[in-house]
Amino acid sequence: MDILKYLNEEKLDYFLKIFDFETLDIGDEEGNTLLHKLVKIGNIYGVEVLADLGANVNARNKKGETPAHIAVEIDDSEIFQILMDYGADLSIRNNSQRTLEQLAKMKNMMGILKIIQDYSEDYGYVEKMKCHKKLED
């Protein structure tokens, strides 16, 4: 889906109109969903639209990475914040058994670490996750 990097907001809106939403969380041969791919190319608008449409922000690819792991990988604090706002789970470990916080610390990503700290210290994080999980059930 290299075409995704060429989609501006108008083209992405058209693409989403013809997209089969039953396949929204189906991954490719590497297990990457459309949300993983939009995160990887830094498409903030697309990430927000898909998250708003109900894409699974905690979907895991074959490496055990969620879209938030990819956001840490590319050091994109804005996308990471969006994923957190839509219920990204800080406790999920990738196949290397690393959490989002561990990955951010390894790469000294201060912006992402600040967001993680804010969510961890925010008493509402646990409540947000409980609420999000109830909505999924």
Protein backbone atom coordinates (compact mmCIF):
# COMPACT_ATOMS: atom_id res chain seq x y z
CA MET A 1 0.00 0.00 0.00
CA ASP A 2 2.71 2.48 -0.93
CA ILE A 3 -0.09 4.55 -2.41
CA LEU A 4 -0.95 5.67 1.13
CA LYS A 5 1.98 8.07 1.27
CA TYR A 6 0.49 9.99 -1.65
CA LEU A 7 -2.92 10.46 -0.08
CA ASN A 8 -3.65 13.99 1.03
CA GLU A 9 -6.76 14.71 3.12
CA GLU A 10 -9.07 14.97 0.09
CA LYS A 11 -7.77 11.78 -1.52
CA LEU A 12 -7.84 9.94 1.82
CA ASP A 13 -11.47 10.97 2.34
CA TYR A 14 -12.33 9.53 -1.09
CA PHE A 15 -10.37 6.35 -0.36
CA LEU A 16 -12.25 5.88 2.91
CA LYS A 17 -15.60 6.31 1.12
CA ILE A 18 -14.87 3.30 -1.07
CA PHE A 19 -12.99 1.31 1.60
CA ASP A 20 -14.49 -1.94 2.89
CA PHE A 21 -14.67 -1.29 6.63
CA GLU A 22 -15.16 -4.96 7.40
CA THR A 23 -11.48 -5.32 6.58
CA LEU A 24 -10.39 -2.31 8.65
CA ASP A 25 -8.37 -4.37 11.13
CA ILE A 26 -7.15 -7.10 8.80
CA GLY A 27 -3.38 -7.09 8.45
CA ASP A 28 -1.15 -7.67 5.47
CA GLU A 29 1.44 -10.47 5.23
CA GLU A 30 3.38 -8.80 8.09
CA GLY A 31 0.23 -8.32 10.13
CA ASN A 32 0.19 -4.54 9.64
CA THR A 33 -3.27 -3.02 9.48
CA LEU A 34 -4.12 0.14 7.59
CA LEU A 35 -3.68 2.02 10.87
CA HIS A 36 -0.15 0.61 11.33
CA LYS A 37 0.70 1.77 7.81
CA LEU A 38 -0.70 5.28 8.25
CA VAL A 39 1.24 5.64 11.49
CA LYS A 40 4.44 4.44 9.80
CA ILE A 41 4.19 7.12 7.09
CA GLY A 42 3.24 9.80 9.62
CA ASN A 43 -0.22 10.50 8.22
CA ILE A 44 -1.74 12.28 11.23
CA TYR A 45 -5.06 13.00 9.55
CA GLY A 46 -5.47 9.40 8.43
CA VAL A 47 -4.59 8.03 11.86
CA GLU A 48 -7.15 10.26 13.52
CA VAL A 49 -9.86 9.42 10.98
CA LEU A 50 -9.29 5.66 11.27
CA ALA A 51 -9.16 5.79 15.07
CA ASP A 52 -12.39 7.78 15.05
CA LEU A 53 -13.96 5.19 12.74
CA GLY A 54 -13.14 2.48 15.29
CA ALA A 55 -9.88 1.00 14.03
CA ASN A 56 -8.28 -1.16 16.71
CA VAL A 57 -5.48 0.99 18.13
CA ASN A 58 -4.15 -2.08 19.96
CA ALA A 59 -3.99 -4.39 16.93
CA ARG A 60 -0.70 -6.28 16.87
CA ASN A 61 1.38 -7.18 13.82
CA LYS A 62 3.60 -10.27 13.55
CA LYS A 63 6.32 -8.48 15.55
CA GLY A 64 3.79 -7.88 18.31
CA GLU A 65 3.79 -4.15 17.59
CA THR A 66 0.74 -1.98 17.96
CA PRO A 67 0.37 1.27 16.02
CA ALA A 68 1.68 3.00 19.17
CA HIS A 69 4.88 0.93 18.98
CA ILE A 70 5.29 2.18 15.41
CA ALA A 71 4.71 5.77 16.56
CA VAL A 72 7.50 5.32 19.12
CA GLU A 73 9.71 3.78 16.43
CA ILE A 74 9.35 6.87 14.25
CA ASP A 75 9.35 9.26 17.24
CA ASP A 76 6.02 10.88 16.36
CA SER A 77 4.62 12.40 19.55
CA GLU A 78 1.54 13.83 17.85
CA ILE A 79 0.43 10.47 16.45
CA PHE A 80 1.34 8.77 19.74
CA GLN A 81 -0.91 11.24 21.59
CA ILE A 82 -3.80 10.53 19.21
CA LEU A 83 -3.41 6.78 19.75
CA MET A 84 -3.34 7.27 23.52
CA ASP A 85 -6.48 9.41 23.31
CA TYR A 86 -8.19 6.54 21.49
CA GLY A 87 -7.23 3.93 24.07
CA ALA A 88 -3.75 2.66 23.21
CA ASP A 89 -2.65 0.27 25.95
CA LEU A 90 0.69 1.15 27.56
CA SER A 91 1.13 -2.36 28.95
CA ILE A 92 1.29 -4.22 25.62
CA ARG A 93 4.73 -5.67 24.93
CA ASN A 94 6.11 -6.40 21.49
CA ASN A 95 7.67 -9.78 20.65
CA SER A 96 10.94 -8.52 22.16
CA GLN A 97 8.98 -8.08 25.42
CA ARG A 98 9.38 -4.31 25.37
CA THR A 99 6.66 -1.89 26.43
CA LEU A 100 6.13 1.49 24.81
CA GLU A 101 7.85 3.17 27.74
CA GLN A 102 10.88 0.89 27.51
CA LEU A 103 11.24 1.57 23.79
CA ALA A 104 10.92 5.33 24.29
CA LYS A 105 13.52 5.26 27.08
CA MET A 106 15.93 3.25 24.93
CA LYS A 107 15.73 5.91 22.23
CA ASN A 108 15.56 8.86 24.65
CA MET A 109 12.30 10.14 23.14
CA MET A 110 11.42 12.85 25.61
CA GLY A 111 8.15 13.95 23.95
CA ILE A 112 6.73 10.44 23.99
CA LEU A 113 8.03 9.79 27.50
CA LYS A 114 6.21 12.94 28.69
CA ILE A 115 2.94 11.67 27.19
CA ILE A 116 3.45 8.27 28.83
CA GLN A 117 4.21 9.95 32.14
CA ASP A 118 1.10 12.12 31.88
CA TYR A 119 -1.09 9.07 31.19
CA SER A 120 0.59 6.99 33.87
CA GLU A 121 0.21 9.67 36.51
CA ASP A 122 -3.26 10.62 35.37
CA TYR A 123 -5.62 8.79 37.69
CA GLY A 124 -8.03 8.59 34.79
CA TYR A 125 -5.79 6.35 32.64
CA VAL A 126 -6.94 3.19 34.39
CA GLU A 127 -10.54 4.37 34.16
CA LYS A 128 -10.15 5.24 30.47
CA MET A 129 -8.82 1.75 29.75
CA LYS A 130 -11.65 0.12 31.70
CA CYS A 131 -14.18 2.23 29.80
CA HIS A 132 -12.52 1.46 26.46
CA LYS A 133 -12.50 -2.29 27.19
CA LYS A 134 -16.19 -2.16 28.18
CA LEU A 135 -16.99 -0.54 24.84
CA GLU A 136 -15.14 -3.34 23.02
CA ASP A 137 -17.07 -6.08 24.88
